[in-house]
Structure formats: structure tokens, C-alpha cells
Protein backbone atom coordinates (compact mmCIF):
# COMPACT_ATOMS: atom_id res chain seq x y z
CA MET A 1 21.65 -17.50 -6.37
CA ASP A 2 20.41 -17.11 -9.93
CA ASP A 3 20.56 -13.47 -11.14
CA GLN A 4 17.16 -13.75 -12.85
CA LEU A 5 15.56 -15.05 -9.66
CA THR A 6 17.19 -12.29 -7.63
CA ARG A 7 15.85 -9.60 -10.00
CA GLU A 8 12.36 -11.13 -9.98
CA LEU A 9 12.32 -11.35 -6.19
CA ASP A 10 13.48 -7.74 -5.91
CA LEU A 11 10.66 -6.68 -8.22
CA LEU A 12 8.15 -8.87 -6.40
CA TYR A 13 9.07 -7.27 -3.12
CA SER A 14 9.12 -3.68 -4.35
CA ARG A 15 5.96 -3.90 -6.46
CA VAL A 16 3.72 -6.48 -4.85
CA CYS A 17 4.79 -7.24 -1.29
CA HIS A 18 4.94 -3.57 -0.36
CA ALA A 19 1.44 -3.04 -1.73
CA LEU A 20 0.14 -6.02 0.25
CA GLY A 21 1.76 -4.76 3.45
CA ASP A 22 -1.35 -3.04 4.81
CA PRO A 23 -4.53 -4.82 5.96
CA LYS A 24 -6.68 -2.02 4.53
CA ARG A 25 -5.26 -2.63 1.07
CA LEU A 26 -5.95 -6.35 1.46
CA MET A 27 -9.56 -5.58 2.36
CA ILE A 28 -9.82 -3.33 -0.72
CA LEU A 29 -8.51 -6.14 -2.93
CA TYR A 30 -11.08 -8.54 -1.50
CA ALA A 31 -13.83 -5.96 -2.04
CA LEU A 32 -12.73 -5.65 -5.67
CA SER A 33 -12.73 -9.43 -6.04
CA LYS A 34 -16.55 -9.18 -5.99
CA GLY A 35 -16.43 -6.93 -9.04
CA PRO A 36 -15.53 -3.39 -10.12
CA ARG A 37 -16.36 -0.69 -7.60
CA TYR A 38 -16.46 3.05 -7.11
CA VAL A 39 -14.43 4.52 -4.25
CA SER A 40 -17.58 5.57 -2.41
CA GLU A 41 -18.98 2.02 -2.62
CA MET A 42 -15.80 0.57 -1.15
CA ALA A 43 -15.63 3.22 1.56
CA ASN A 44 -19.18 2.37 2.65
CA GLU A 45 -18.66 -1.38 2.40
CA LEU A 46 -15.37 -1.33 4.29
CA GLU A 47 -16.45 1.39 6.73
CA MET A 48 -13.39 3.50 5.92
CA PRO A 49 -13.20 7.19 5.12
CA GLN A 50 -13.23 7.81 1.37
CA PRO A 51 -9.85 9.63 1.42
CA THR A 52 -8.29 6.59 3.10
CA VAL A 53 -9.66 4.25 0.45
CA SER A 54 -8.50 6.62 -2.30
CA ARG A 55 -4.99 6.80 -0.84
CA HIS A 56 -4.73 3.00 -0.66
CA LEU A 57 -6.17 2.61 -4.16
CA LYS A 58 -3.47 4.92 -5.49
CA ILE A 59 -0.79 2.64 -4.06
CA LEU A 60 -2.49 -0.45 -5.49
CA ARG A 61 -2.89 1.29 -8.86
CA ASP A 62 0.76 2.44 -8.87
CA ARG A 63 1.79 -1.18 -8.26
CA ASP A 64 -0.47 -2.42 -11.09
CA LEU A 65 -2.67 -4.49 -8.78
CA VAL A 66 -5.82 -2.55 -9.65
CA THR A 67 -7.01 -0.70 -12.71
CA ALA A 68 -8.90 2.59 -12.84
CA THR A 69 -11.37 3.36 -15.61
CA ARG A 70 -13.10 6.70 -15.98
CA ASP A 71 -16.91 6.48 -16.03
CA ALA A 72 -18.22 10.01 -16.72
CA ASN A 73 -17.24 12.00 -13.63
CA THR A 74 -16.22 9.02 -11.53
CA VAL A 75 -13.60 6.29 -11.59
CA VAL A 76 -14.33 2.58 -11.43
CA TYR A 77 -11.66 0.36 -9.88
CA ALA A 78 -11.12 -3.31 -10.62
CA LEU A 79 -8.55 -6.00 -9.96
CA ALA A 80 -5.83 -6.01 -12.59
CA ASP A 81 -5.35 -9.76 -12.13
CA GLU A 82 -7.64 -12.13 -10.22
CA ARG A 83 -4.67 -14.30 -9.27
CA VAL A 84 -3.78 -11.85 -6.49
CA ILE A 85 -6.86 -13.13 -4.61
CA GLN A 86 -5.78 -16.73 -5.22
CA ALA A 87 -2.35 -15.88 -3.79
CA LEU A 88 -3.92 -14.18 -0.76
CA ASP A 89 -6.27 -17.11 -0.22
CA LEU A 90 -3.33 -19.50 -0.36
CA MET A 91 -1.42 -17.45 2.22
CA ARG A 92 -4.51 -17.27 4.46
CA ALA A 93 -4.91 -21.06 4.26
CA MET A 94 -1.25 -21.51 5.14
CA LEU A 95 -1.66 -19.17 8.12
CA ARG A 96 -4.78 -21.01 9.33
CA ASP A 97 -2.94 -24.34 9.08
CA ARG A 98 0.04 -23.01 11.04
CA LEU A 99 -2.20 -21.53 13.73
CA ALA A 100 -4.15 -24.79 14.01
CA HIS A 101 -0.87 -26.69 14.35
CA GLN A 102 0.31 -24.32 17.09
CA ALA A 103 -3.04 -24.70 18.89
CA ARG A 104 -2.71 -28.48 18.80
CA LEU A 105 0.80 -28.22 20.22
CA ALA A 106 -0.43 -25.94 22.99
CA GLU A 107 -3.24 -28.38 23.83
CA PHE A 108 -0.74 -31.24 23.92
CA VAL A 109 1.57 -29.33 26.28
CA ALA A 110 -1.38 -28.42 28.53
CA LEU A 111 -2.59 -32.02 28.58
CA ASP A 112 0.92 -33.27 29.29
CA ALA A 113 1.21 -30.79 32.18
CA GLU A 114 -2.05 -32.13 33.65
CA ILE A 115 -0.75 -35.69 33.51
CA ASP A 116 2.74 -34.83 34.81
CA PRO A 117 2.71 -31.54 36.79
CA GLN A 118 6.54 -31.46 36.75
CA VAL A 119 6.53 -30.64 33.00
């Protein structure tokens, strides 16, 4: 395999995939896709304790997926790059398609079993 590709995939995994590996962080990213937010706003919106949101934001910030800007005594968080939501949406669409395909297969098997009980 190409050395450049290997290095990029290693970086992708260590920086992005790890950060996306928790559903709470995904929810935070989607909350930020609506616009910059304060931690307290996200905690209320997502119905999560503020320390939990802060801990996940730190991981997302360390991986350069979100930015933090000081606003007087508070910090405003925003997406560093909107394309992360496009990538998540693409993966969600792929998952929905695969699940729909599996459901159709299950329906076919069930229908086939009704027609021929020996299946």
C-alpha cells in the first residue's frame, strides 16, 4: 500500500475516527452544526450534564473538530469544518440504506417461509 495513504489513514484514525467514536460527541457536532454555542446551551439542548459536554468538547477541540473562542467570561464553541457534518450525513445515509436492504431480505425470507414452510 502507498506510504502516503498509510500515513493519512493513520492520522485519520487517530485524530478523527477516535473523536467520532462516541454518540455524545456526534450529538454535540450536530448541535454545533446549527451554529456556535455555549456549553450550557448544548447541555440543555442535549439533556446532558454540563461537565459531560465539556469533557467531550475537549476531545473534539483537541482533535481540531471544533473551535473555542473566548467571549468575556465564557467560551463559544463552533465547528472547525462543516464538512464533518456532510461526512456524518453520508455515513448515516449509507447505514439507512444497508438497514433497509437487510429489512427487505428479512421480509423476503419470511415470505418465502410462508410459501414453503420447509425453508
